């Protein structure tokens, strides 16, 4: 079991292995297009199939991680990633590459589901998410700097994903069989999904948000090569610098934490992303392309970290984190194909304007959920483990103020409360077992 006061590095490693494929999407799609007998649209479709398989794993496993066992699922997912991506890297037969990409994508999604569930159970999920984003950004940046110098072919980025999964596999020995519940959620009984309306709204908005991001990301390599007239090495440097800017942004987000709440970073950040996408898609030279891509890469992981933190705050058991993450993966999966189709039909600049407008629209419900989450953060007692010297109350919901109660040994993580005077309750939901005083 992870110590609550230390960083759960195995979860950070699983997060890195699971998210690396989406981060390497431009070079994966670009290499498939140039290294195999497929068109640009077909290469985008293979990338979409990979990410759709990853999303499917998240949906299937959202509520089953603890039931099956976190360690077992983590090892199974990493094994599938090694076999799938490794096999796709070693063959030039298109059907075999597609099968390997889909199999590897399912493995990556499985690893991500375990990581998301474990991170949501941490005392500071935003901090752990930030570390995961730092790790995957640094690794992806290294791949972008290295791959152009290792030769042509579609297999190099796929091999990098497979080798990462292989390297992470030994760390699964430190992943607990069962994800421990967070200290703020002490009730062991099975509960329905909390904040159902907010969770569904966020899950409905995230596919559109992610599709816009990955429609650009999936064709960014082609924008640099064909519209900005850059070579692959230069495009790789721009991507690496962009991911480095992402590292800086994530560090800043980690330092700020929830200081500005969730609504402002998500709403304003999404609007800024829309501007970056329009700029990058219209690039015809190195300067415009670099500014757009670097600024977008700097802002996107910051907003993503707050979105993941928002999803985690809706359910301490991690179910909304996994479900929202999987919904986001659906948009991520559709991105490469959508970007290829839009750019082929209307051109890159028009694609950028269309995606930017869509982001501004979808920012509204996401910000609304963040505002609701901020307003609902009142102390909530979900289980009182011991009460002495007063009423035997087993559950109280909607408590906004507790003053004057003596003898409560644990209330939602509060270890000691002294001197009781009154309990102010917002809702009448009060389940009582006994009204007699204890001896």
Protein backbone atom coordinates (compact mmCIF):
# COMPACT_ATOMS: atom_id res chain seq x y z
CA UNK A 1 0.00 0.00 0.00
CA UNK A 2 1.29 3.46 -0.88
CA UNK A 3 2.29 5.71 1.97
CA UNK A 4 -0.02 8.73 1.92
CA UNK A 5 2.79 11.17 2.67
CA UNK A 6 5.06 10.03 -0.17
CA UNK A 7 4.83 10.33 -3.93
CA UNK A 8 3.29 7.22 -5.55
CA UNK A 9 5.95 6.86 -8.26
CA UNK A 10 4.53 3.60 -9.65
CA UNK A 11 1.30 5.45 -10.47
CA UNK A 12 3.30 8.26 -12.09
CA UNK A 13 5.14 5.67 -14.20
CA UNK A 14 1.87 3.99 -15.21
CA UNK A 15 0.45 7.39 -16.14
CA UNK A 16 3.52 8.02 -18.32
CA UNK A 17 3.30 4.66 -20.10
CA UNK A 18 -0.43 5.11 -20.71
CA UNK A 19 -0.28 8.67 -22.01
CA UNK A 20 2.85 8.36 -24.18
CA UNK A 21 0.98 7.15 -27.29
CA UNK A 22 -1.27 10.25 -27.49
CA UNK A 23 1.74 12.50 -26.92
CA UNK A 24 3.61 10.87 -29.81
CA UNK A 25 0.59 10.98 -32.11
CA UNK A 26 1.99 13.44 -34.71
CA UNK A 27 5.13 11.41 -35.32
CA UNK A 28 3.23 8.09 -35.22
CA UNK A 29 0.73 9.28 -37.86
CA UNK A 30 3.41 11.02 -39.91
CA UNK A 31 5.65 7.97 -39.92
CA UNK A 32 2.75 5.69 -40.86
CA UNK A 33 1.98 7.99 -43.78
CA UNK A 34 5.59 8.11 -45.01
CA UNK A 35 6.70 4.59 -44.12
CA UNK A 36 3.73 2.48 -45.19
CA UNK A 37 1.63 2.31 -48.38
CA UNK A 38 -1.26 4.28 -46.85
CA UNK A 39 -2.70 7.75 -47.49
CA UNK A 40 -2.65 10.61 -44.98
CA UNK A 41 -6.31 10.00 -44.17
CA UNK A 42 -5.69 6.26 -43.68
CA UNK A 43 -2.73 7.01 -41.41
CA UNK A 44 -4.97 9.30 -39.36
CA UNK A 45 -7.58 6.53 -39.20
CA UNK A 46 -4.98 4.11 -37.78
CA UNK A 47 -4.08 6.69 -35.14
CA UNK A 48 -7.75 7.10 -34.34
CA UNK A 49 -8.20 3.32 -34.04
CA UNK A 50 -5.28 3.19 -31.59
CA UNK A 51 -6.74 5.88 -29.38
CA UNK A 52 -10.29 4.52 -29.66
CA UNK A 53 -9.03 1.17 -28.37
CA UNK A 54 -7.38 3.00 -25.47
CA UNK A 55 -10.63 4.79 -24.66
CA UNK A 56 -12.57 1.52 -24.80
CA UNK A 57 -10.29 0.02 -22.16
CA UNK A 58 -11.04 2.93 -19.86
CA UNK A 59 -14.79 2.58 -20.26
CA UNK A 60 -14.69 -1.16 -19.67
CA UNK A 61 -12.49 -0.92 -16.59
CA UNK A 62 -13.75 2.29 -14.94
CA UNK A 63 -15.58 0.45 -12.16
CA UNK A 64 -13.62 -2.80 -12.22
CA UNK A 65 -10.09 -1.79 -11.26
CA UNK A 66 -10.55 -2.59 -7.58
CA UNK A 67 -12.62 -5.70 -8.31
CA UNK A 68 -10.07 -7.26 -10.68
CA UNK A 69 -7.02 -5.93 -8.87
CA UNK A 70 -4.94 -2.87 -9.73
CA UNK A 71 -1.65 -4.75 -9.92
CA UNK A 72 -3.08 -7.48 -12.15
CA UNK A 73 -4.60 -4.97 -14.55
CA UNK A 74 -1.46 -2.83 -14.63
CA UNK A 75 0.68 -5.81 -15.60
CA UNK A 76 -1.83 -7.01 -18.18
CA UNK A 77 -2.06 -3.55 -19.74
CA UNK A 78 1.69 -3.06 -19.96
CA UNK A 79 2.11 -6.56 -21.45
CA UNK A 80 -0.46 -5.77 -24.16
CA UNK A 81 1.30 -2.48 -24.88
CA UNK A 82 4.65 -4.21 -25.29
CA UNK A 83 3.26 -6.94 -27.54
CA UNK A 84 0.99 -4.68 -29.59
CA UNK A 85 3.26 -1.70 -30.21
CA UNK A 86 6.35 -3.89 -30.42
CA UNK A 87 4.72 -6.15 -33.00
CA UNK A 88 3.49 -3.16 -35.03
CA UNK A 89 7.00 -1.69 -35.01
CA UNK A 90 8.55 -4.90 -36.38
CA UNK A 91 6.23 -5.47 -39.35
CA UNK A 92 5.47 -3.54 -42.54
CA UNK A 93 2.23 -5.39 -43.29
CA UNK A 94 -0.54 -2.82 -42.94
CA UNK A 95 -3.20 -5.14 -41.41
CA UNK A 96 -0.66 -6.40 -38.86
CA UNK A 97 0.30 -2.83 -37.98
CA UNK A 98 -3.35 -1.94 -37.45
CA UNK A 99 -3.91 -4.98 -35.20
CA UNK A 100 -0.79 -4.21 -33.21
CA UNK A 101 -1.74 -0.54 -32.81
CA UNK A 102 -5.23 -1.46 -31.58
CA UNK A 103 -3.88 -4.10 -29.18
CA UNK A 104 -1.22 -1.73 -27.87
CA UNK A 105 -3.79 1.04 -27.51
CA UNK A 106 -5.97 -1.20 -25.35
CA UNK A 107 -2.95 -1.93 -23.16
CA UNK A 108 -2.15 1.77 -22.82
CA UNK A 109 -5.76 2.49 -21.89
CA UNK A 110 -5.68 -0.23 -19.25
CA UNK A 111 -2.54 1.25 -17.67
CA UNK A 112 -4.12 4.70 -17.76
CA UNK A 113 -7.30 3.42 -16.05
CA UNK A 114 -5.28 1.95 -13.18
CA UNK A 115 -3.22 5.13 -12.87
CA UNK A 116 -6.31 7.39 -12.90
CA UNK A 117 -8.06 5.31 -10.26
CA UNK A 118 -5.00 5.32 -8.01
CA UNK A 119 -4.34 9.04 -8.48
CA UNK A 120 -7.93 9.93 -7.61
CA UNK A 121 -7.48 8.09 -4.31
CA UNK A 122 -4.51 10.22 -3.30
CA UNK A 123 -4.73 13.06 -0.82
CA UNK A 124 -3.44 15.49 -3.50
CA UNK A 125 -4.54 14.14 -6.90
CA UNK A 126 -3.63 17.36 -8.72
CA UNK A 127 -0.03 17.17 -7.54
CA UNK A 128 0.35 13.55 -8.65
CA UNK A 129 -1.29 14.33 -12.01
CA UNK A 130 1.17 17.18 -12.46
CA UNK A 131 4.09 14.82 -11.88
CA UNK A 132 2.66 12.39 -14.42
CA UNK A 133 2.32 15.13 -17.03
CA UNK A 134 5.87 16.27 -16.32
CA UNK A 135 7.16 12.75 -16.82
CA UNK A 136 5.33 12.03 -20.08
CA UNK A 137 6.15 15.46 -21.52
CA UNK A 138 9.87 15.02 -20.80
CA UNK A 139 9.91 11.53 -22.30
CA UNK A 140 7.95 12.56 -25.41
CA UNK A 141 10.24 15.55 -25.93
CA UNK A 142 13.26 13.24 -25.81
CA UNK A 143 11.67 10.97 -28.43
CA UNK A 144 10.94 13.92 -30.74
CA UNK A 145 14.58 15.03 -30.54
CA UNK A 146 15.95 11.53 -31.08
CA UNK A 147 13.72 9.79 -33.64
CA UNK A 148 14.54 12.03 -36.68
CA UNK A 149 18.22 11.11 -36.30
CA UNK A 150 17.67 7.34 -36.12
CA UNK A 151 16.47 6.88 -39.68
CA UNK A 152 13.17 6.56 -41.54
CA UNK A 153 10.43 4.02 -41.04
CA UNK A 154 7.19 3.78 -39.12
CA UNK A 155 8.50 1.57 -36.32
CA UNK A 156 10.64 3.93 -34.24
CA UNK A 157 7.91 5.86 -32.35
CA UNK A 158 5.93 2.64 -31.85
CA UNK A 159 9.03 0.93 -30.49
CA UNK A 160 9.56 3.84 -28.07
CA UNK A 161 6.07 3.29 -26.62
CA UNK A 162 6.65 -0.46 -26.31
CA UNK A 163 10.02 0.00 -24.59
CA UNK A 164 8.52 2.47 -22.14
CA UNK A 165 5.84 -0.05 -21.16
CA UNK A 166 8.53 -2.71 -20.76
CA UNK A 167 10.59 -0.42 -18.52
CA UNK A 168 7.61 0.41 -16.31
CA UNK A 169 6.50 -3.22 -15.88
CA UNK A 170 8.88 -4.03 -12.94
CA UNK A 171 7.41 -1.09 -10.97
CA UNK A 172 4.03 -2.83 -10.86
CA UNK A 173 5.36 -4.86 -7.92
CA UNK A 174 4.74 -1.71 -5.86
CA UNK A 175 1.19 -1.19 -7.13
CA UNK A 176 -1.28 -2.39 -4.46
CA UNK A 177 -3.68 -5.18 -5.29
CA UNK A 178 -6.51 -2.96 -4.07
CA UNK A 179 -6.49 0.83 -4.37
CA UNK A 180 -6.91 2.20 -0.82
CA UNK A 181 -9.74 4.65 -0.31
CA UNK A 182 -8.66 8.25 0.32
CA UNK A 183 -8.62 9.41 3.91
CA UNK A 184 -11.36 11.91 3.15
CA UNK A 185 -13.72 9.08 2.22
CA UNK A 186 -14.00 6.62 5.07
CA UNK A 187 -17.22 4.84 4.17
CA UNK A 188 -16.38 1.32 2.91
CA UNK A 189 -19.80 0.60 1.41
CA UNK A 190 -20.58 0.70 -2.31
CA UNK A 191 -22.06 4.03 -3.30
CA UNK A 192 -23.67 5.42 -6.47
CA UNK A 193 -21.80 7.97 -8.55
CA UNK A 194 -21.95 11.33 -6.76
CA UNK A 195 -22.49 14.65 -8.58
CA UNK A 196 -24.23 12.83 -11.42
CA UNK A 197 -25.32 15.91 -13.38
CA UNK A 198 -21.92 17.61 -13.21
CA UNK A 199 -20.11 14.38 -14.04
CA UNK A 200 -22.28 13.69 -17.08
CA UNK A 201 -21.92 17.28 -18.32
CA UNK A 202 -18.15 17.10 -18.00
CA UNK A 203 -18.05 13.68 -19.66
CA UNK A 204 -20.14 15.03 -22.55
CA UNK A 205 -17.95 18.12 -23.03
CA UNK A 206 -14.56 16.42 -22.84
CA UNK A 207 -14.80 14.45 -26.13
CA UNK A 208 -15.34 17.70 -28.05
CA UNK A 209 -12.56 19.44 -26.13
CA UNK A 210 -10.11 16.61 -26.73
CA UNK A 211 -11.09 16.16 -30.39
CA UNK A 212 -10.25 19.79 -31.09
CA UNK A 213 -6.86 19.43 -29.43
CA UNK A 214 -5.94 16.24 -31.23
CA UNK A 215 -7.34 17.30 -34.59
CA UNK A 216 -4.54 19.87 -34.57
CA UNK A 217 -1.99 17.60 -32.87
CA UNK A 218 -2.65 14.79 -35.34
CA UNK A 219 -1.85 16.97 -38.37
CA UNK A 220 0.74 19.31 -36.79
CA UNK A 221 3.55 17.38 -38.43
CA UNK A 222 1.96 17.81 -41.84
CA UNK A 223 1.39 21.53 -41.20
CA UNK A 224 5.09 21.96 -40.44
CA UNK A 225 6.27 19.85 -43.37
CA UNK A 226 3.89 20.88 -46.14
CA UNK A 227 2.50 24.32 -45.25
CA UNK A 228 5.42 25.84 -43.31
CA UNK A 229 7.97 24.02 -45.53
CA UNK A 230 10.15 22.73 -42.69
CA UNK A 231 12.15 19.50 -42.53
CA UNK A 232 11.41 16.69 -40.07
CA UNK A 233 14.32 17.53 -37.78
CA UNK A 234 13.16 21.15 -37.43
CA UNK A 235 9.57 20.08 -36.78
CA UNK A 236 10.87 17.64 -34.16
CA UNK A 237 12.80 20.44 -32.44
CA UNK A 238 9.67 22.63 -32.38
CA UNK A 239 7.68 19.79 -30.82
CA UNK A 240 10.41 19.11 -28.26
CA UNK A 241 10.61 22.80 -27.31
CA UNK A 242 6.82 22.86 -27.12
CA UNK A 243 6.78 19.90 -24.74
CA UNK A 244 9.49 21.64 -22.73
CA UNK A 245 7.21 24.66 -22.49
CA UNK A 246 4.54 22.22 -21.37
CA UNK A 247 6.85 21.10 -18.58
CA UNK A 248 7.21 24.71 -17.45
CA UNK A 249 3.45 25.20 -17.61
CA UNK A 250 2.77 22.07 -15.59
CA UNK A 251 5.33 23.11 -12.97
CA UNK A 252 3.60 26.48 -12.74
CA UNK A 253 0.23 24.76 -12.42
CA UNK A 254 1.59 22.52 -9.69
CA UNK A 255 2.97 25.50 -7.81
CA UNK A 256 -0.29 27.43 -8.09
CA UNK A 257 -2.46 24.39 -7.31
CA UNK A 258 -6.06 25.34 -6.52
CA UNK A 259 -5.15 28.92 -5.59
CA UNK A 260 -7.29 30.33 -8.42
CA UNK A 261 -9.86 27.58 -8.22
CA UNK A 262 -10.72 25.39 -11.18
CA UNK A 263 -13.08 27.56 -13.23
CA UNK A 264 -10.57 30.26 -14.19
CA UNK A 265 -7.76 27.94 -15.37
CA UNK A 266 -10.20 25.75 -17.32
CA UNK A 267 -12.29 28.53 -18.90
CA UNK A 268 -9.58 31.08 -19.67
CA UNK A 269 -7.08 28.36 -20.55
CA UNK A 270 -9.43 26.80 -23.10
CA UNK A 271 -9.99 30.21 -24.73
CA UNK A 272 -6.23 30.70 -24.98
CA UNK A 273 -5.85 27.23 -26.52
CA UNK A 274 -8.39 28.22 -29.19
CA UNK A 275 -6.21 31.19 -30.18
CA UNK A 276 -3.10 28.98 -30.32
CA UNK A 277 -4.83 26.41 -32.55
CA UNK A 278 -5.96 29.07 -35.03
CA UNK A 279 -2.44 30.54 -35.14
CA UNK A 280 -0.67 27.20 -35.58
CA UNK A 281 -3.04 25.99 -38.30
CA UNK A 282 -2.44 29.16 -40.32
CA UNK A 283 1.37 28.95 -40.11
CA UNK A 284 3.34 29.35 -43.34
CA UNK A 285 6.79 29.88 -41.81
CA UNK A 286 8.91 28.70 -38.91
CA UNK A 287 8.12 31.64 -36.62
CA UNK A 288 4.35 31.36 -36.76
CA UNK A 289 4.44 27.56 -36.58
CA UNK A 290 6.80 27.58 -33.61
CA UNK A 291 4.89 30.26 -31.68
CA UNK A 292 1.56 28.52 -32.20
CA UNK A 293 2.77 25.03 -31.36
CA UNK A 294 4.92 26.03 -28.39
CA UNK A 295 2.22 28.23 -26.86
CA UNK A 296 -0.39 25.50 -27.37
CA UNK A 297 1.84 22.84 -25.82
CA UNK A 298 2.51 25.13 -22.86
CA UNK A 299 -1.15 25.79 -22.10
CA UNK A 300 -2.78 22.46 -23.00
CA UNK A 301 -1.24 20.28 -20.24
CA UNK A 302 -1.96 22.97 -17.66
CA UNK A 303 -5.66 22.98 -18.50
CA UNK A 304 -5.66 19.18 -18.78
CA UNK A 305 -4.23 18.85 -15.28
CA UNK A 306 -7.03 21.01 -13.87
CA UNK A 307 -9.66 19.08 -15.84
CA UNK A 308 -8.35 15.76 -14.48
CA UNK A 309 -8.29 17.28 -11.00
CA UNK A 310 -11.88 18.46 -11.46
CA UNK A 311 -12.99 14.96 -12.47
CA UNK A 312 -11.15 13.45 -9.49
CA UNK A 313 -12.85 15.90 -7.11
CA UNK A 314 -16.30 14.69 -8.19
CA UNK A 315 -15.74 11.21 -6.76
CA UNK A 316 -12.98 10.21 -4.31
CA UNK A 317 -13.24 6.60 -5.48
CA UNK A 318 -11.91 7.67 -8.88
CA UNK A 319 -14.86 6.53 -10.98
CA UNK A 320 -15.54 9.91 -12.55
CA UNK A 321 -11.81 10.39 -13.16
CA UNK A 322 -11.69 7.19 -15.21
CA UNK A 323 -15.03 7.77 -16.98
CA UNK A 324 -14.23 11.37 -17.87
CA UNK A 325 -10.73 10.38 -18.95
CA UNK A 326 -12.17 7.69 -21.18
CA UNK A 327 -14.71 10.12 -22.65
CA UNK A 328 -11.83 12.46 -23.34
CA UNK A 329 -10.02 9.60 -25.05
CA UNK A 330 -12.98 9.20 -27.43
CA UNK A 331 -12.38 12.75 -28.62
CA UNK A 332 -8.67 12.11 -28.69
CA UNK A 333 -9.31 9.04 -30.83
CA UNK A 334 -11.45 10.95 -33.29
CA UNK A 335 -8.92 13.78 -33.53
CA UNK A 336 -6.44 12.43 -36.09
CA UNK A 337 -9.15 11.36 -38.50
CA UNK A 338 -11.18 14.55 -37.99
CA UNK A 339 -8.11 16.71 -38.51
CA UNK A 340 -7.17 14.83 -41.68
CA UNK A 341 -10.67 15.09 -43.11
CA UNK A 342 -11.12 18.77 -42.20
CA UNK A 343 -7.71 19.79 -43.55
CA UNK A 344 -8.26 17.84 -46.78
CA UNK A 345 -11.71 19.35 -47.27
CA UNK A 346 -11.13 22.98 -46.21
CA UNK A 347 -7.38 23.42 -45.73
CA UNK A 348 -5.37 23.89 -42.55
CA UNK A 349 -6.28 27.55 -41.79
CA UNK A 350 -10.03 26.93 -42.08
CA UNK A 351 -9.65 23.81 -39.96
CA UNK A 352 -7.97 25.89 -37.26
CA UNK A 353 -10.76 28.48 -37.20
CA UNK A 354 -13.42 25.77 -37.02
CA UNK A 355 -11.68 24.01 -34.13
CA UNK A 356 -11.11 27.29 -32.28
CA UNK A 357 -14.80 28.19 -32.50
CA UNK A 358 -15.75 24.74 -31.22
CA UNK A 359 -13.43 25.11 -28.23
CA UNK A 360 -14.97 28.44 -27.25
CA UNK A 361 -18.41 26.83 -27.26
CA UNK A 362 -17.39 23.77 -25.24
CA UNK A 363 -15.56 25.92 -22.67
CA UNK A 364 -18.94 27.08 -21.32
CA UNK A 365 -20.20 23.77 -19.85
CA UNK A 366 -16.73 22.83 -18.59
CA UNK A 367 -16.43 26.12 -16.72
CA UNK A 368 -19.95 25.68 -15.36
CA UNK A 369 -19.03 22.32 -13.83
CA UNK A 370 -15.88 23.83 -12.32
CA UNK A 371 -17.90 26.66 -10.75
CA UNK A 372 -20.39 24.17 -9.29
CA UNK A 373 -17.57 22.05 -7.90
CA UNK A 374 -16.07 25.10 -6.22
CA UNK A 375 -19.38 26.08 -4.63
CA UNK A 376 -20.08 22.57 -3.35
CA UNK A 377 -16.82 22.22 -1.46
CA UNK A 378 -18.36 22.32 2.01
CA UNK A 379 -17.42 19.95 4.78
CA UNK A 380 -19.27 16.67 4.34
CA UNK A 381 -19.52 13.94 6.93
CA UNK A 382 -19.92 10.62 5.16
CA UNK A 383 -19.20 8.36 8.10
CA UNK A 384 -18.60 8.91 11.78
CA UNK A 385 -16.48 6.08 13.07
CA UNK A 386 -16.84 6.82 16.77
CA UNK A 387 -19.00 9.12 18.85
CA UNK A 388 -18.74 9.28 22.61
CA UNK A 389 -20.63 11.51 24.99
CA UNK A 390 -23.40 12.45 22.56
CA UNK A 391 -25.95 11.13 20.06
CA UNK A 392 -25.21 7.98 18.07
CA UNK A 393 -25.43 9.47 14.55
CA UNK A 394 -24.19 7.11 11.87
CA UNK A 395 -24.39 9.45 8.87
CA UNK A 396 -24.97 13.14 8.35
CA UNK A 397 -24.97 14.76 4.92
CA UNK A 398 -24.92 18.41 3.94
CA UNK A 399 -23.34 19.72 7.14
CA UNK A 400 -21.99 23.21 6.58
CA UNK A 401 -21.02 24.08 10.14
CA UNK A 402 -20.13 21.97 13.14
CA UNK A 403 -19.48 23.69 16.46
CA UNK A 404 -19.38 22.43 19.99
CA UNK A 405 -19.44 18.60 19.51
CA UNK A 406 -17.13 16.69 21.79
CA UNK A 407 -15.76 13.20 21.39
CA UNK A 408 -15.80 12.77 17.60
CA UNK A 409 -12.69 10.79 16.79
CA UNK A 410 -12.93 10.84 13.00
CA UNK A 411 -15.19 12.90 10.75
CA UNK A 412 -14.15 12.93 7.08
CA UNK A 413 -10.49 13.21 7.96
CA UNK A 414 -10.95 15.55 10.97
CA UNK A 415 -9.12 13.78 13.75
CA UNK A 416 -10.27 15.89 16.68
CA UNK A 417 -13.07 18.35 17.34
CA UNK A 418 -13.56 19.78 20.77
CA UNK A 419 -16.48 21.40 22.57
CA UNK A 420 -19.85 21.08 20.90
CA UNK A 421 -22.51 23.68 20.85
CA UNK A 422 -24.68 23.14 17.79
CA UNK A 423 -24.90 21.51 14.39
CA UNK A 424 -26.21 23.61 11.50
CA UNK A 425 -27.56 21.41 8.70
CA UNK A 426 -28.43 22.56 5.16
CA UNK A 427 -30.56 19.53 4.30
CA UNK A 428 -32.90 17.50 6.45
CA UNK A 429 -31.12 14.25 5.55
CA UNK A 430 -30.28 12.89 8.97
CA UNK A 431 -30.06 9.20 9.73
CA UNK A 432 -30.24 8.49 13.44
CA UNK A 433 -29.68 5.27 15.28
CA UNK A 434 -30.05 6.30 18.90
CA UNK A 435 -30.92 9.37 20.87
CA UNK A 436 -29.93 8.19 24.32
CA UNK A 437 -26.73 9.46 25.83
CA UNK A 438 -23.96 6.95 26.28
CA UNK A 439 -22.70 5.98 29.66
